[in-house]
Amino acid sequence: MYDESLVYLVRETILLTLKIVLPILGAGVVVGLVISILQSVTSIQDQTLTFVPKIVVMLAVVVFLTPWIVQRLGEFASDLLWVAIP
């Protein structure tokens, strides 16, 4: 038998992690797809051509979403304290 608050905490942690990571990874996937299409059209096969733009775009998304990420983590920390205190 599991404690319900522990199951709730793990569930919310996983969901929050997915909510934060999905926009960043989604931007990387879209940029990678666009670069791959351009590489196949132009027959340019250079590894850095896909790696560098993905990193730059993913960092830009992180910088753009930082206030949202901090707000979500703050709400989670607040909820965590209320769940932990009986």
PDB file of N, CA and C in Angstrom:
ATOM      1  N   MET A   1       0.827  -1.180   0.000  1.00  0.00           N
ATOM      2  CA  MET A   1       0.000   0.000   0.000  1.00  0.00           C
ATOM      3  C   MET A   1       0.880   1.255   0.000  1.00  0.00           C
ATOM      4  N   TYR A   2       0.586   2.136  -0.946  1.00  0.00           N
ATOM      5  CA  TYR A   2       1.364   3.357  -1.088  1.00  0.00           C
ATOM      6  C   TYR A   2       0.656   4.523  -0.411  1.00  0.00           C
ATOM      7  N   ASP A   3       1.454   5.434   0.080  1.00  0.00           N
ATOM      8  CA  ASP A   3       0.901   6.641   0.659  1.00  0.00           C
ATOM      9  C   ASP A   3       0.417   7.530  -0.491  1.00  0.00           C
ATOM     10  N   GLU A   4      -0.795   7.996  -0.414  1.00  0.00           N
ATOM     11  CA  GLU A   4      -1.391   8.772  -1.508  1.00  0.00           C
ATOM     12  C   GLU A   4      -0.641  10.066  -1.781  1.00  0.00           C
ATOM     13  N   SER A   5      -0.126  10.696  -0.756  1.00  0.00           N
ATOM     14  CA  SER A   5       0.587  11.953  -0.981  1.00  0.00           C
ATOM     15  C   SER A   5       1.895  11.728  -1.726  1.00  0.00           C
ATOM     16  N   LEU A   6       2.549  10.596  -1.493  1.00  0.00           N
ATOM     17  CA  LEU A   6       3.778  10.278  -2.211  1.00  0.00           C
ATOM     18  C   LEU A   6       3.501  10.016  -3.690  1.00  0.00           C
ATOM     19  N   VAL A   7       2.448   9.293  -3.979  1.00  0.00           N
ATOM     20  CA  VAL A   7       2.062   9.027  -5.367  1.00  0.00           C
ATOM     21  C   VAL A   7       1.691  10.333  -6.053  1.00  0.00           C
ATOM     22  N   TYR A   8       0.957  11.183  -5.367  1.00  0.00           N
ATOM     23  CA  TYR A   8       0.585  12.484  -5.918  1.00  0.00           C
ATOM     24  C   TYR A   8       1.819  13.335  -6.201  1.00  0.00           C
ATOM     25  N   LEU A   9       2.765  13.327  -5.286  1.00  0.00           N
ATOM     26  CA  LEU A   9       3.984  14.117  -5.445  1.00  0.00           C
ATOM     27  C   LEU A   9       4.808  13.646  -6.641  1.00  0.00           C
ATOM     28  N   VAL A  10       4.968  12.352  -6.786  1.00  0.00           N
ATOM     29  CA  VAL A  10       5.731  11.812  -7.917  1.00  0.00           C
ATOM     30  C   VAL A  10       5.022  12.125  -9.230  1.00  0.00           C
ATOM     31  N   ARG A  11       3.718  11.976  -9.248  1.00  0.00           N
ATOM     32  CA  ARG A  11       2.934  12.268 -10.458  1.00  0.00           C
ATOM     33  C   ARG A  11       3.075  13.724 -10.856  1.00  0.00           C
ATOM     34  N   GLU A  12       2.920  14.621  -9.910  1.00  0.00           N
ATOM     35  CA  GLU A  12       3.029  16.048 -10.202  1.00  0.00           C
ATOM     36  C   GLU A  12       4.445  16.436 -10.625  1.00  0.00           C
ATOM     37  N   THR A  13       5.455  15.790 -10.041  1.00  0.00           N
ATOM     38  CA  THR A  13       6.838  16.063 -10.420  1.00  0.00           C
ATOM     39  C   THR A  13       7.095  15.659 -11.869  1.00  0.00           C
ATOM     40  N   ILE A  14       6.625  14.496 -12.256  1.00  0.00           N
ATOM     41  CA  ILE A  14       6.809  14.035 -13.632  1.00  0.00           C
ATOM     42  C   ILE A  14       6.056  14.932 -14.606  1.00  0.00           C
ATOM     43  N   LEU A  15       4.834  15.301 -14.275  1.00  0.00           N
ATOM     44  CA  LEU A  15       4.058  16.172 -15.165  1.00  0.00           C
ATOM     45  C   LEU A  15       4.706  17.550 -15.310  1.00  0.00           C
ATOM     46  N   LEU A  16       5.206  18.101 -14.224  1.00  0.00           N
ATOM     47  CA  LEU A  16       5.865  19.398 -14.286  1.00  0.00           C
ATOM     48  C   LEU A  16       7.135  19.319 -15.126  1.00  0.00           C
ATOM     49  N   THR A  17       7.881  18.247 -14.956  1.00  0.00           N
ATOM     50  CA  THR A  17       9.091  18.067 -15.751  1.00  0.00           C
ATOM     51  C   THR A  17       8.753  18.008 -17.231  1.00  0.00           C
ATOM     52  N   LEU A  18       7.725  17.275 -17.584  1.00  0.00           N
ATOM     53  CA  LEU A  18       7.314  17.192 -18.983  1.00  0.00           C
ATOM     54  C   LEU A  18       6.836  18.540 -19.521  1.00  0.00           C
ATOM     55  N   LYS A  19       6.081  19.273 -18.712  1.00  0.00           N
ATOM     56  CA  LYS A  19       5.598  20.585 -19.151  1.00  0.00           C
ATOM     57  C   LYS A  19       6.744  21.559 -19.402  1.00  0.00           C
ATOM     58  N   ILE A  20       7.794  21.466 -18.613  1.00  0.00           N
ATOM     59  CA  ILE A  20       8.922  22.383 -18.773  1.00  0.00           C
ATOM     60  C   ILE A  20       9.807  21.960 -19.943  1.00  0.00           C
ATOM     61  N   VAL A  21      10.014  20.667 -20.109  1.00  0.00           N
ATOM     62  CA  VAL A  21      10.971  20.184 -21.106  1.00  0.00           C
ATOM     63  C   VAL A  21      10.384  20.121 -22.518  1.00  0.00           C
ATOM     64  N   LEU A  22       9.094  19.863 -22.655  1.00  0.00           N
ATOM     65  CA  LEU A  22       8.515  19.670 -23.980  1.00  0.00           C
ATOM     66  C   LEU A  22       8.671  20.862 -24.926  1.00  0.00           C
ATOM     67  N   PRO A  23       8.467  22.101 -24.507  1.00  0.00           N
ATOM     68  CA  PRO A  23       8.680  23.201 -25.460  1.00  0.00           C
ATOM     69  C   PRO A  23      10.139  23.309 -25.924  1.00  0.00           C
ATOM     70  N   ILE A  24      11.062  23.031 -25.034  1.00  0.00           N
ATOM     71  CA  ILE A  24      12.480  23.126 -25.379  1.00  0.00           C
ATOM     72  C   ILE A  24      12.854  22.018 -26.365  1.00  0.00           C
ATOM     73  N   LEU A  25      12.450  20.792 -26.057  1.00  0.00           N
ATOM     74  CA  LEU A  25      12.742  19.688 -26.959  1.00  0.00           C
ATOM     75  C   LEU A  25      11.982  19.818 -28.272  1.00  0.00           C
ATOM     76  N   GLY A  26      10.767  20.326 -28.215  1.00  0.00           N
ATOM     77  CA  GLY A  26       9.991  20.532 -29.437  1.00  0.00           C
ATOM     78  C   GLY A  26      10.674  21.499 -30.384  1.00  0.00           C
ATOM     79  N   ALA A  27      11.232  22.571 -29.841  1.00  0.00           N
ATOM     80  CA  ALA A  27      11.959  23.530 -30.679  1.00  0.00           C
ATOM     81  C   ALA A  27      13.177  22.866 -31.304  1.00  0.00           C
ATOM     82  N   GLY A  28      13.877  22.030 -30.555  1.00  0.00           N
ATOM     83  CA  GLY A  28      15.036  21.316 -31.087  1.00  0.00           C
ATOM     84  C   GLY A  28      14.653  20.346 -32.189  1.00  0.00           C
ATOM     85  N   VAL A  29      13.526  19.672 -32.019  1.00  0.00           N
ATOM     86  CA  VAL A  29      13.065  18.728 -33.037  1.00  0.00           C
ATOM     87  C   VAL A  29      12.678  19.452 -34.316  1.00  0.00           C
ATOM     88  N   VAL A  30      11.959  20.562 -34.182  1.00  0.00           N
ATOM     89  CA  VAL A  30      11.541  21.319 -35.372  1.00  0.00           C
ATOM     90  C   VAL A  30      12.755  21.855 -36.120  1.00  0.00           C
ATOM     91  N   VAL A  31      13.699  22.428 -35.405  1.00  0.00           N
ATOM     92  CA  VAL A  31      14.907  22.952 -36.059  1.00  0.00           C
ATOM     93  C   VAL A  31      15.691  21.813 -36.700  1.00  0.00           C
ATOM     94  N   GLY A  32      15.817  20.693 -36.027  1.00  0.00           N
ATOM     95  CA  GLY A  32      16.516  19.551 -36.593  1.00  0.00           C
ATOM     96  C   GLY A  32      15.849  19.039 -37.856  1.00  0.00           C
ATOM     97  N   LEU A  33      14.529  19.015 -37.867  1.00  0.00           N
ATOM     98  CA  LEU A  33      13.797  18.578 -39.047  1.00  0.00           C
ATOM     99  C   LEU A  33      14.003  19.524 -40.225  1.00  0.00           C
ATOM    100  N   VAL A  34      13.928  20.823 -39.947  1.00  0.00           N
ATOM    101  CA  VAL A  34      14.131  21.809 -41.007  1.00  0.00           C
ATOM    102  C   VAL A  34      15.547  21.718 -41.560  1.00  0.00           C
ATOM    103  N   ILE A  35      16.531  21.612 -40.687  1.00  0.00           N
ATOM    104  CA  ILE A  35      17.924  21.510 -41.131  1.00  0.00           C
ATOM    105  C   ILE A  35      18.137  20.214 -41.912  1.00  0.00           C
ATOM    106  N   SER A  36      17.530  19.123 -41.475  1.00  0.00           N
ATOM    107  CA  SER A  36      17.676  17.853 -42.193  1.00  0.00           C
ATOM    108  C   SER A  36      17.075  17.937 -43.593  1.00  0.00           C
ATOM    109  N   ILE A  37      15.934  18.585 -43.712  1.00  0.00           N
ATOM    110  CA  ILE A  37      15.332  18.763 -45.038  1.00  0.00           C
ATOM    111  C   ILE A  37      16.236  19.613 -45.920  1.00  0.00           C
ATOM    112  N   LEU A  38      16.759  20.700 -45.366  1.00  0.00           N
ATOM    113  CA  LEU A  38      17.672  21.536 -46.139  1.00  0.00           C
ATOM    114  C   LEU A  38      18.940  20.778 -46.531  1.00  0.00           C
ATOM    115  N   GLN A  39      19.451  19.940 -45.642  1.00  0.00           N
ATOM    116  CA  GLN A  39      20.638  19.149 -45.960  1.00  0.00           C
ATOM    117  C   GLN A  39      20.361  18.140 -47.065  1.00  0.00           C
ATOM    118  N   SER A  40      19.199  17.528 -47.030  1.00  0.00           N
ATOM    119  CA  SER A  40      18.902  16.543 -48.069  1.00  0.00           C
ATOM    120  C   SER A  40      18.657  17.218 -49.420  1.00  0.00           C
ATOM    121  N   VAL A  41      18.116  18.421 -49.409  1.00  0.00           N
ATOM    122  CA  VAL A  41      17.883  19.142 -50.663  1.00  0.00           C
ATOM    123  C   VAL A  41      19.198  19.627 -51.262  1.00  0.00           C
ATOM    124  N   THR A  42      20.095  20.116 -50.415  1.00  0.00           N
ATOM    125  CA  THR A  42      21.347  20.696 -50.908  1.00  0.00           C
ATOM    126  C   THR A  42      22.507  19.706 -50.906  1.00  0.00           C
ATOM    127  N   SER A  43      22.315  18.499 -50.417  1.00  0.00           N
ATOM    128  CA  SER A  43      23.349  17.457 -50.337  1.00  0.00           C
ATOM    129  C   SER A  43      24.552  17.877 -49.495  1.00  0.00           C
ATOM    130  N   ILE A  44      24.326  18.728 -48.518  1.00  0.00           N
ATOM    131  CA  ILE A  44      25.386  19.108 -47.579  1.00  0.00           C
ATOM    132  C   ILE A  44      25.253  18.206 -46.356  1.00  0.00           C
ATOM    133  N   GLN A  45      26.299  17.458 -46.042  1.00  0.00           N
ATOM    134  CA  GLN A  45      26.264  16.534 -44.910  1.00  0.00           C
ATOM    135  C   GLN A  45      27.321  16.928 -43.889  1.00  0.00           C
ATOM    136  N   ASP A  46      27.015  17.915 -43.092  1.00  0.00           N
ATOM    137  CA  ASP A  46      27.941  18.379 -42.064  1.00  0.00           C
ATOM    138  C   ASP A  46      27.251  18.254 -40.704  1.00  0.00           C
ATOM    139  N   GLN A  47      27.898  17.609 -39.754  1.00  0.00           N
ATOM    140  CA  GLN A  47      27.297  17.374 -38.443  1.00  0.00           C
ATOM    141  C   GLN A  47      27.063  18.665 -37.667  1.00  0.00           C
ATOM    142  N   THR A  48      27.988  19.612 -37.788  1.00  0.00           N
ATOM    143  CA  THR A  48      27.832  20.857 -37.026  1.00  0.00           C
ATOM    144  C   THR A  48      26.691  21.706 -37.562  1.00  0.00           C
ATOM    145  N   LEU A  49      26.303  21.471 -38.797  1.00  0.00           N
ATOM    146  CA  LEU A  49      25.196  22.236 -39.369  1.00  0.00           C
ATOM    147  C   LEU A  49      23.885  21.946 -38.651  1.00  0.00           C
ATOM    148  N   THR A  50      23.718  20.756 -38.102  1.00  0.00           N
ATOM    149  CA  THR A  50      22.504  20.451 -37.335  1.00  0.00           C
ATOM    150  C   THR A  50      22.686  20.748 -35.856  1.00  0.00           C
ATOM    151  N   PHE A  51      23.873  20.533 -35.349  1.00  0.00           N
ATOM    152  CA  PHE A  51      24.104  20.644 -33.912  1.00  0.00           C
ATOM    153  C   PHE A  51      24.043  22.089 -33.422  1.00  0.00           C
ATOM    154  N   VAL A  52      24.745  22.979 -34.078  1.00  0.00           N
ATOM    155  CA  VAL A  52      24.848  24.366 -33.613  1.00  0.00           C
ATOM    156  C   VAL A  52      23.499  25.093 -33.647  1.00  0.00           C
ATOM    157  N   PRO A  53      22.725  25.039 -34.747  1.00  0.00           N
ATOM    158  CA  PRO A  53      21.426  25.728 -34.717  1.00  0.00           C
ATOM    159  C   PRO A  53      20.464  25.176 -33.667  1.00  0.00           C
ATOM    160  N   LYS A  54      20.490  23.864 -33.449  1.00  0.00           N
ATOM    161  CA  LYS A  54      19.611  23.292 -32.431  1.00  0.00           C
ATOM    162  C   LYS A  54      19.960  23.820 -31.046  1.00  0.00           C
ATOM    163  N   ILE A  55      21.242  23.869 -30.735  1.00  0.00           N
ATOM    164  CA  ILE A  55      21.671  24.368 -29.426  1.00  0.00           C
ATOM    165  C   ILE A  55      21.278  25.833 -29.262  1.00  0.00           C
ATOM    166  N   VAL A  56      21.506  26.631 -30.301  1.00  0.00           N
ATOM    167  CA  VAL A  56      21.181  28.060 -30.227  1.00  0.00           C
ATOM    168  C   VAL A  56      19.678  28.264 -30.033  1.00  0.00           C
ATOM    169  N   VAL A  57      18.868  27.545 -30.805  1.00  0.00           N
ATOM    170  CA  VAL A  57      17.413  27.711 -30.686  1.00  0.00           C
ATOM    171  C   VAL A  57      16.919  27.207 -29.334  1.00  0.00           C
ATOM    172  N   MET A  58      17.448  26.093 -28.870  1.00  0.00           N
ATOM    173  CA  MET A  58      17.016  25.577 -27.575  1.00  0.00           C
ATOM    174  C   MET A  58      17.407  26.517 -26.437  1.00  0.00           C
ATOM    175  N   LEU A  59      18.586  27.101 -26.507  1.00  0.00           N
ATOM    176  CA  LEU A  59      18.971  28.096 -25.497  1.00  0.00           C
ATOM    177  C   LEU A  59      18.095  29.340 -25.569  1.00  0.00           C
ATOM    178  N   ALA A  60      17.735  29.764 -26.780  1.00  0.00           N
ATOM    179  CA  ALA A  60      16.845  30.919 -26.929  1.00  0.00           C
ATOM    180  C   ALA A  60      15.468  30.625 -26.335  1.00  0.00           C
ATOM    181  N   VAL A  61      14.971  29.411 -26.533  1.00  0.00           N
ATOM    182  CA  VAL A  61      13.676  29.043 -25.952  1.00  0.00           C
ATOM    183  C   VAL A  61      13.767  29.023 -24.433  1.00  0.00           C
ATOM    184  N   VAL A  62      14.869  28.522 -23.894  1.00  0.00           N
ATOM    185  CA  VAL A  62      15.046  28.511 -22.434  1.00  0.00           C
ATOM    186  C   VAL A  62      15.065  29.934 -21.889  1.00  0.00           C
ATOM    187  N   VAL A  63      15.792  30.822 -22.550  1.00  0.00           N
ATOM    188  CA  VAL A  63      15.854  32.217 -22.099  1.00  0.00           C
ATOM    189  C   VAL A  63      14.475  32.864 -22.194  1.00  0.00           C
ATOM    190  N   PHE A  64      13.761  32.599 -23.282  1.00  0.00           N
ATOM    191  CA  PHE A  64      12.432  33.183 -23.470  1.00  0.00           C
ATOM    192  C   PHE A  64      11.438  32.656 -22.438  1.00  0.00           C
ATOM    193  N   LEU A  65      11.545  31.372 -22.090  1.00  0.00           N
ATOM    194  CA  LEU A  65      10.588  30.754 -21.166  1.00  0.00           C
ATOM    195  C   LEU A  65      11.020  30.773 -19.705  1.00  0.00           C
ATOM    196  N   THR A  66      12.150  31.387 -19.395  1.00  0.00           N
ATOM    197  CA  THR A  66      12.647  31.391 -18.019  1.00  0.00           C
ATOM    198  C   THR A  66      11.632  31.939 -17.011  1.00  0.00           C
ATOM    199  N   PRO A  67      10.957  33.065 -17.277  1.00  0.00           N
ATOM    200  CA  PRO A  67       9.968  33.518 -16.286  1.00  0.00           C
ATOM    201  C   PRO A  67       8.844  32.499 -16.052  1.00  0.00           C
ATOM    202  N   TRP A  68       8.381  31.870 -17.125  1.00  0.00           N
ATOM    203  CA  TRP A  68       7.334  30.860 -17.003  1.00  0.00           C
ATOM    204  C   TRP A  68       7.831  29.652 -16.217  1.00  0.00           C
ATOM    205  N   ILE A  69       9.063  29.224 -16.499  1.00  0.00           N
ATOM    206  CA  ILE A  69       9.645  28.071 -15.807  1.00  0.00           C
ATOM    207  C   ILE A  69       9.807  28.373 -14.316  1.00  0.00           C
ATOM    208  N   VAL A  70      10.302  29.547 -14.002  1.00  0.00           N
ATOM    209  CA  VAL A  70      10.490  29.929 -12.592  1.00  0.00           C
ATOM    210  C   VAL A  70       9.147  30.001 -11.870  1.00  0.00           C
ATOM    211  N   GLN A  71       8.134  30.521 -12.554  1.00  0.00           N
ATOM    212  CA  GLN A  71       6.807  30.600 -11.942  1.00  0.00           C
ATOM    213  C   GLN A  71       6.254  29.204 -11.661  1.00  0.00           C
ATOM    214  N   ARG A  72       6.371  28.294 -12.609  1.00  0.00           N
ATOM    215  CA  ARG A  72       5.893  26.920 -12.417  1.00  0.00           C
ATOM    216  C   ARG A  72       6.652  26.222 -11.283  1.00  0.00           C
ATOM    217  N   LEU A  73       7.967  26.408 -11.248  1.00  0.00           N
ATOM    218  CA  LEU A  73       8.750  25.781 -10.173  1.00  0.00           C
ATOM    219  C   LEU A  73       8.417  26.382  -8.816  1.00  0.00           C
ATOM    220  N   GLY A  74       8.141  27.681  -8.771  1.00  0.00           N
ATOM    221  CA  GLY A  74       7.734  28.311  -7.516  1.00  0.00           C
ATOM    222  C   GLY A  74       6.397  27.789  -7.023  1.00  0.00           C
ATOM    223  N   GLU A  75       5.450  27.646  -7.949  1.00  0.00           N
ATOM    224  CA  GLU A  75       4.151  27.081  -7.576  1.00  0.00           C
ATOM    225  C   GLU A  75       4.294  25.649  -7.080  1.00  0.00           C
ATOM    226  N   PHE A  76       5.158  24.891  -7.756  1.00  0.00           N
ATOM    227  CA  PHE A  76       5.377  23.506  -7.338  1.00  0.00           C
ATOM    228  C   PHE A  76       6.009  23.447  -5.952  1.00  0.00           C
ATOM    229  N   ALA A  77       6.987  24.310  -5.697  1.00  0.00           N
ATOM    230  CA  ALA A  77       7.632  24.336  -4.381  1.00  0.00           C
ATOM    231  C   ALA A  77       6.630  24.721  -3.299  1.00  0.00           C
ATOM    232  N   SER A  78       5.768  25.671  -3.605  1.00  0.00           N
ATOM    233  CA  SER A  78       4.741  26.067  -2.645  1.00  0.00           C
ATOM    234  C   SER A  78       3.783  24.918  -2.367  1.00  0.00           C
ATOM    235  N   ASP A  79       3.346  24.237  -3.427  1.00  0.00           N
ATOM    236  CA  ASP A  79       2.473  23.076  -3.243  1.00  0.00           C
ATOM    237  C   ASP A  79       3.179  21.968  -2.471  1.00  0.00           C
ATOM    238  N   LEU A  80       4.458  21.799  -2.742  1.00  0.00           N
ATOM    239  CA  LEU A  80       5.237  20.770  -2.063  1.00  0.00           C
ATOM    240  C   LEU A  80       5.296  21.029  -0.566  1.00  0.00           C
ATOM    241  N   LEU A  81       5.473  22.284  -0.185  1.00  0.00           N
ATOM    242  CA  LEU A  81       5.521  22.617   1.232  1.00  0.00           C
ATOM    243  C   LEU A  81       4.172  22.369   1.909  1.00  0.00           C
ATOM    244  N   TRP A  82       3.077  22.653   1.195  1.00  0.00           N
ATOM    245  CA  TRP A  82       1.757  22.435   1.785  1.00  0.00           C
ATOM    246  C   TRP A  82       1.424  20.950   1.888  1.00  0.00           C
ATOM    247  N   VAL A  83       1.942  20.146   0.961  1.00  0.00           N
ATOM    248  CA  VAL A  83       1.710  18.712   1.027  1.00  0.00           C
ATOM    249  C   VAL A  83       2.570  18.091   2.119  1.00  0.00           C
ATOM    250  N   ALA A  84       3.800  18.586   2.258  1.00  0.00           N
ATOM    251  CA  ALA A  84       4.726  18.006   3.233  1.00  0.00           C
ATOM    252  C   ALA A  84       4.334  18.328   4.675  1.00  0.00           C
ATOM    253  N   ILE A  85       3.675  19.478   4.867  1.00  0.00           N
ATOM    254  CA  ILE A  85       3.264  19.864   6.225  1.00  0.00           C
ATOM    255  C   ILE A  85       1.874  19.322   6.488  1.00  0.00           C
ATOM    256  N   PRO A  86       1.747  18.418   7.433  1.00  0.00           N
ATOM    257  CA  PRO A  86       0.414  17.825   7.700  1.00  0.00           C
ATOM    258  C   PRO A  86      -0.520  18.782   8.379  1.00  0.00           C
TER     259      PRO A  86
END
